[in-house]
Amino acid sequence: MADEHHFIRMRGRIQGPFTSDQLQAMVKRGQFSRMHELSTDGATWVRASTRPELFENADVDFRILDPEPPPKPAPTLTQSTPSAEVWYYHQLGSNLGPVDLSHLQFLASAGQLLPTDMVWKQGMPEWIPAGRVPGLFATSGAPTIQSPVYASGPTGRDLPPEDPPGVSGLAITSLVLGILWIGGLGSILAIIFGSVSLYQIRISKGRLAGAGLAIAGLVLGIVLLALQIGFTIVQQQNAPDPIF
C-alpha cells in the first residue's frame, strides 16, 4: 500500500504534504515534534503524538525540543505565483502569513478561515473581509490541496497594515441616537457625533472605519429634527387665538 501523505500544522501554519519518511527525517533535524498536528485530508487533525511510529528511530531528546519548529529558508516564489498574490490574514489579534491564494482557499474550505476574517495583499489600501475576495468561498467541489508557497518576510513598503481598521464608536452612537430621536435631543446629538466621527475617520488614514454609519446617523438627525421643527410651526399656526 502506498505511503500516506500528511499535512502538518503548528500555531495555525500548515505545511505539506509529506511522506512518513520525510516526517521521520524532519524529526531527526528537530523540525517536527509530537506537539505538531497531523492530517491526511486537510480537514481532520490529530496530535503527532498519536503516531509513535514516526518517532521510533528518532535520536532526539524531546524534553528539550522547542515545540515550534526552527525557521527554514523561505522558498522563492515561482513565476506562476506573482508577488501581488501573496496574502496575509488576521485572526485572534495577530497578522498571519504570507501565504498564496490557494492556501487561503484551503483554509476557507477547512473552516479555518471565515468570511468575516480580515485579509490583505500588497497593493490594497486596507484590510477587507475574506468574503469579499472573489472565488475564495465560492469554489465548488473539493479544493486542490498543495503545499503553501511562502514568500520572504515583508519589508519596507510591502508591510501590511498593523491591524484591520476599527469602527468609530462615535459613528455607531450617532446612528443609534438618530434612530431613537429622544424628543429631538437624540437628533441634535446624532448630528454632532456624526459630524465629529466623519472628521476623525477622514484624518485617521484608514485606521478608522464606519463612515456609512456616521452619514446615516447624521442624515437621520437632520431629517427628524427638521420634521420636528416643521411640525411645531404648523401647530403654532393652527392654534386658536387666545380669548381675553
Protein backbone atom coordinates (compact mmCIF):
# COMPACT_ATOMS: atom_id res chain seq x y z
CA MET A 1 0.00 0.00 0.00
CA ALA A 2 1.35 3.42 -0.93
CA ASP A 3 2.61 5.58 1.89
CA GLU A 4 0.07 8.14 3.10
CA HIS A 5 0.83 11.80 2.66
CA HIS A 6 0.44 14.04 5.67
CA PHE A 7 -0.05 17.74 6.27
CA ILE A 8 1.41 19.22 9.45
CA ARG A 9 0.10 22.20 11.39
CA MET A 10 1.63 24.23 14.23
CA ARG A 11 0.18 27.51 15.56
CA GLY A 12 -2.07 27.92 12.53
CA ARG A 13 0.64 27.36 9.88
CA ILE A 14 0.13 24.40 7.55
CA GLN A 15 2.84 22.67 5.53
CA GLY A 16 2.94 19.60 3.35
CA PRO A 17 2.13 17.13 2.07
CA PHE A 18 4.96 14.93 3.40
CA THR A 19 5.54 11.18 3.34
CA SER A 20 6.25 9.23 6.54
CA ASP A 21 9.94 9.01 5.58
CA GLN A 22 10.10 12.76 5.14
CA LEU A 23 8.45 13.30 8.53
CA GLN A 24 10.94 10.97 10.21
CA ALA A 25 13.78 12.89 8.60
CA MET A 26 12.27 16.15 9.86
CA VAL A 27 12.09 14.63 13.36
CA LYS A 28 15.83 13.94 13.30
CA ARG A 29 16.51 17.53 12.20
CA GLY A 30 14.32 18.90 15.01
CA GLN A 31 11.77 20.32 12.54
CA PHE A 32 8.87 18.08 13.53
CA SER A 33 7.76 17.04 17.03
CA ARG A 34 4.95 15.36 18.91
CA MET A 35 3.47 18.83 19.54
CA HIS A 36 2.54 19.21 15.86
CA GLU A 37 -0.83 18.23 14.43
CA LEU A 38 -1.24 15.77 11.54
CA SER A 39 -3.87 15.39 8.83
CA THR A 40 -4.20 13.25 5.73
CA ASP A 41 -7.06 15.22 4.19
CA GLY A 42 -6.50 18.76 5.49
CA ALA A 43 -9.79 18.68 7.42
CA THR A 44 -9.32 16.22 10.31
CA TRP A 45 -6.36 16.89 12.60
CA VAL A 46 -4.76 14.77 15.34
CA ARG A 47 -1.71 15.19 17.56
CA ALA A 48 1.50 13.79 16.10
CA SER A 49 1.99 12.00 19.43
CA THR A 50 -0.79 9.60 18.34
CA ARG A 51 1.59 8.30 15.63
CA PRO A 52 4.50 6.94 17.73
CA GLU A 53 5.90 5.01 14.78
CA LEU A 54 7.08 8.31 13.29
CA PHE A 55 9.36 8.84 16.28
CA GLU A 56 10.70 5.29 16.85
CA ASN A 57 14.11 5.84 15.22
CA ALA A 58 14.49 9.47 16.17
CA ASP A 59 17.62 10.30 18.12
CA VAL A 60 16.16 13.49 19.63
CA ASP A 61 15.61 14.47 23.24
CA PHE A 62 12.01 15.69 23.13
CA ARG A 63 12.24 17.00 26.66
CA ILE A 64 14.23 19.97 25.42
CA LEU A 65 12.85 20.24 21.90
CA ASP A 66 11.20 23.55 21.21
CA PRO A 67 7.59 22.80 20.15
CA GLU A 68 7.90 25.48 17.46
CA PRO A 69 9.95 24.10 14.53
CA PRO A 70 13.02 26.21 13.72
CA PRO A 71 12.56 28.59 10.81
CA LYS A 72 13.54 27.32 7.40
CA PRO A 73 14.63 29.48 4.47
CA ALA A 74 11.51 30.58 2.63
CA PRO A 75 11.29 29.19 -0.90
CA THR A 76 11.48 31.63 -3.76
CA LEU A 77 8.13 32.36 -5.39
CA THR A 78 7.78 30.75 -8.79
CA GLN A 79 6.84 32.70 -11.88
CA SER A 80 3.36 31.21 -11.70
CA THR A 81 2.82 32.85 -8.30
CA PRO A 82 3.33 36.63 -8.67
CA SER A 83 4.23 38.63 -5.57
CA ALA A 84 0.94 40.53 -5.90
CA GLU A 85 -0.86 37.32 -4.89
CA VAL A 86 0.91 36.98 -1.54
CA TRP A 87 -1.74 37.33 1.16
CA TYR A 88 -1.91 37.94 4.91
CA TYR A 89 -4.87 37.15 7.17
CA HIS A 90 -5.82 38.46 10.62
CA GLN A 91 -7.04 36.10 13.36
CA LEU A 92 -7.12 36.32 17.17
CA GLY A 93 -5.36 39.68 17.18
CA SER A 94 -2.39 38.56 15.01
CA ASN A 95 -1.40 39.04 11.38
CA LEU A 96 -0.58 35.63 9.82
CA GLY A 97 1.21 34.90 6.55
CA PRO A 98 2.48 35.38 3.97
CA VAL A 99 0.53 32.70 2.06
CA ASP A 100 -0.71 32.36 -1.50
CA LEU A 101 -4.35 32.39 -2.64
CA SER A 102 -4.54 28.59 -2.88
CA HIS A 103 -3.60 28.35 0.80
CA LEU A 104 -6.39 30.81 1.71
CA GLN A 105 -8.81 28.65 -0.29
CA PHE A 106 -7.60 25.60 1.65
CA LEU A 107 -8.15 27.36 4.99
CA ALA A 108 -11.61 28.50 3.86
CA SER A 109 -12.65 25.00 2.74
CA ALA A 110 -11.41 23.53 6.06
CA GLY A 111 -13.41 26.07 8.08
CA GLN A 112 -10.24 27.67 9.46
CA LEU A 113 -10.86 30.96 7.64
CA LEU A 114 -14.24 32.70 7.95
CA PRO A 115 -15.78 35.26 5.56
CA THR A 116 -15.56 37.81 8.39
CA ASP A 117 -11.79 37.34 8.91
CA MET A 118 -9.77 40.25 7.51
CA VAL A 119 -7.25 39.69 4.68
CA TRP A 120 -4.74 41.88 2.84
CA LYS A 121 -2.25 41.71 -0.02
CA GLN A 122 0.32 44.11 -1.41
CA GLY A 123 -1.29 46.95 -3.34
CA MET A 124 -4.50 47.02 -1.26
CA PRO A 125 -5.02 50.25 0.73
CA GLU A 126 -6.67 48.48 3.67
CA TRP A 127 -7.78 45.11 5.05
CA ILE A 128 -11.03 43.64 3.69
CA PRO A 129 -13.26 40.76 4.86
CA ALA A 130 -12.23 37.44 3.31
CA GLY A 131 -15.77 37.03 1.99
CA ARG A 132 -15.10 39.86 -0.48
CA VAL A 133 -12.24 38.02 -2.21
CA PRO A 134 -13.68 36.61 -5.48
CA GLY A 135 -13.74 32.82 -5.59
CA LEU A 136 -12.35 32.31 -2.10
CA PHE A 137 -15.54 30.78 -0.64
CA ALA A 138 -17.44 30.06 -3.89
CA THR A 139 -15.17 27.24 -5.12
CA SER A 140 -17.30 24.15 -5.79
CA GLY A 141 -16.11 20.62 -5.14
CA ALA A 142 -13.07 19.53 -3.17
CA PRO A 143 -10.26 22.07 -3.26
CA THR A 144 -6.87 21.17 -4.65
CA ILE A 145 -4.56 20.75 -1.66
CA GLN A 146 -0.98 21.74 -2.27
CA SER A 147 1.98 22.88 -0.27
CA PRO A 148 1.58 26.56 0.59
CA VAL A 149 4.09 28.92 -1.01
CA TYR A 150 5.67 31.26 1.48
CA ALA A 151 7.39 34.46 0.46
CA SER A 152 10.21 36.07 2.36
CA GLY A 153 9.08 38.33 5.18
CA PRO A 154 7.70 41.70 4.03
CA THR A 155 9.93 44.70 4.46
CA GLY A 156 9.59 48.40 3.85
CA ARG A 157 6.62 49.39 1.74
CA ASP A 158 5.49 45.73 1.45
CA LEU A 159 4.45 45.61 5.13
CA PRO A 160 0.71 45.03 5.66
CA PRO A 161 -1.24 47.43 7.84
CA GLU A 162 -0.69 46.73 11.53
CA ASP A 163 -4.34 45.88 12.25
CA PRO A 164 -7.69 45.96 10.47
CA PRO A 165 -9.41 49.33 10.85
CA GLY A 166 -11.69 49.70 13.88
CA VAL A 167 -15.22 51.04 13.60
CA SER A 168 -15.65 54.54 15.04
CA GLY A 169 -17.63 54.46 18.28
CA LEU A 170 -18.98 57.94 17.60
CA ALA A 171 -20.35 56.74 14.25
CA ILE A 172 -22.27 53.94 15.96
CA THR A 173 -23.53 56.34 18.65
CA SER A 174 -24.66 58.82 16.01
CA LEU A 175 -26.73 56.16 14.22
CA VAL A 176 -28.32 54.90 17.45
CA LEU A 177 -29.25 58.42 18.62
CA GLY A 178 -30.57 59.27 15.16
CA ILE A 179 -32.95 56.31 15.37
CA LEU A 180 -34.05 56.91 18.97
CA TRP A 181 -34.80 60.65 18.42
CA ILE A 182 -35.48 61.18 22.20
CA GLY A 183 -37.72 64.18 21.76
CA GLY A 184 -35.28 65.98 19.46
CA LEU A 185 -32.28 65.68 21.79
CA GLY A 186 -31.18 62.45 20.09
CA SER A 187 -31.37 64.14 16.68
CA ILE A 188 -29.16 67.02 17.81
CA LEU A 189 -26.58 64.67 19.34
CA ALA A 190 -26.69 62.43 16.24
CA ILE A 191 -25.79 65.46 14.08
CA ILE A 192 -22.93 66.45 16.38
CA PHE A 193 -21.49 62.94 16.82
CA GLY A 194 -21.90 62.12 13.13
CA SER A 195 -20.01 65.25 12.07
CA VAL A 196 -17.19 64.65 14.57
CA SER A 197 -16.96 60.97 13.56
CA LEU A 198 -16.67 61.81 9.85
CA TYR A 199 -13.82 64.21 10.62
CA GLN A 200 -12.00 61.62 12.74
CA ILE A 201 -12.40 58.95 10.04
CA ARG A 202 -11.10 61.34 7.37
CA ILE A 203 -7.90 62.15 9.28
CA SER A 204 -7.29 58.57 10.55
CA LYS A 205 -5.68 57.48 7.24
CA GLY A 206 -7.55 54.19 7.16
CA ARG A 207 -7.24 53.31 10.85
CA LEU A 208 -10.96 54.06 11.47
CA ALA A 209 -13.99 52.82 9.55
CA GLY A 210 -17.71 53.50 9.85
CA ALA A 211 -18.24 56.48 7.56
CA GLY A 212 -21.50 54.93 6.35
CA LEU A 213 -22.82 54.67 9.92
CA ALA A 214 -21.85 58.26 10.64
CA ILE A 215 -23.56 59.53 7.48
CA ALA A 216 -26.71 57.53 8.27
CA GLY A 217 -26.86 58.94 11.81
CA LEU A 218 -26.20 62.47 10.53
CA VAL A 219 -28.97 62.25 7.90
CA LEU A 220 -31.45 60.75 10.36
CA GLY A 221 -30.69 63.51 12.87
CA ILE A 222 -31.18 66.28 10.29
CA VAL A 223 -34.38 64.81 8.82
CA LEU A 224 -36.06 64.08 12.16
CA LEU A 225 -35.03 67.44 13.58
CA ALA A 226 -36.38 69.23 10.50
CA LEU A 227 -39.67 67.30 10.77
CA GLN A 228 -39.98 68.22 14.43
CA ILE A 229 -39.39 71.91 13.73
CA GLY A 230 -41.90 71.87 10.85
CA PHE A 231 -44.49 70.10 12.98
CA THR A 232 -44.05 72.65 15.76
CA ILE A 233 -44.51 75.57 13.36
CA VAL A 234 -47.69 74.07 11.89
CA GLN A 235 -49.10 73.54 15.38
CA GLN A 236 -48.48 77.16 16.33
CA GLN A 237 -50.11 78.45 13.13
CA ASN A 238 -53.21 76.31 13.63
CA ALA A 239 -53.57 77.12 17.32
CA PRO A 240 -56.75 79.16 18.13
CA ASP A 241 -56.32 82.78 19.13
CA PRO A 242 -56.49 83.34 22.90
CA ILE A 243 -59.75 84.73 24.32
CA PHE A 244 -59.46 87.61 26.77
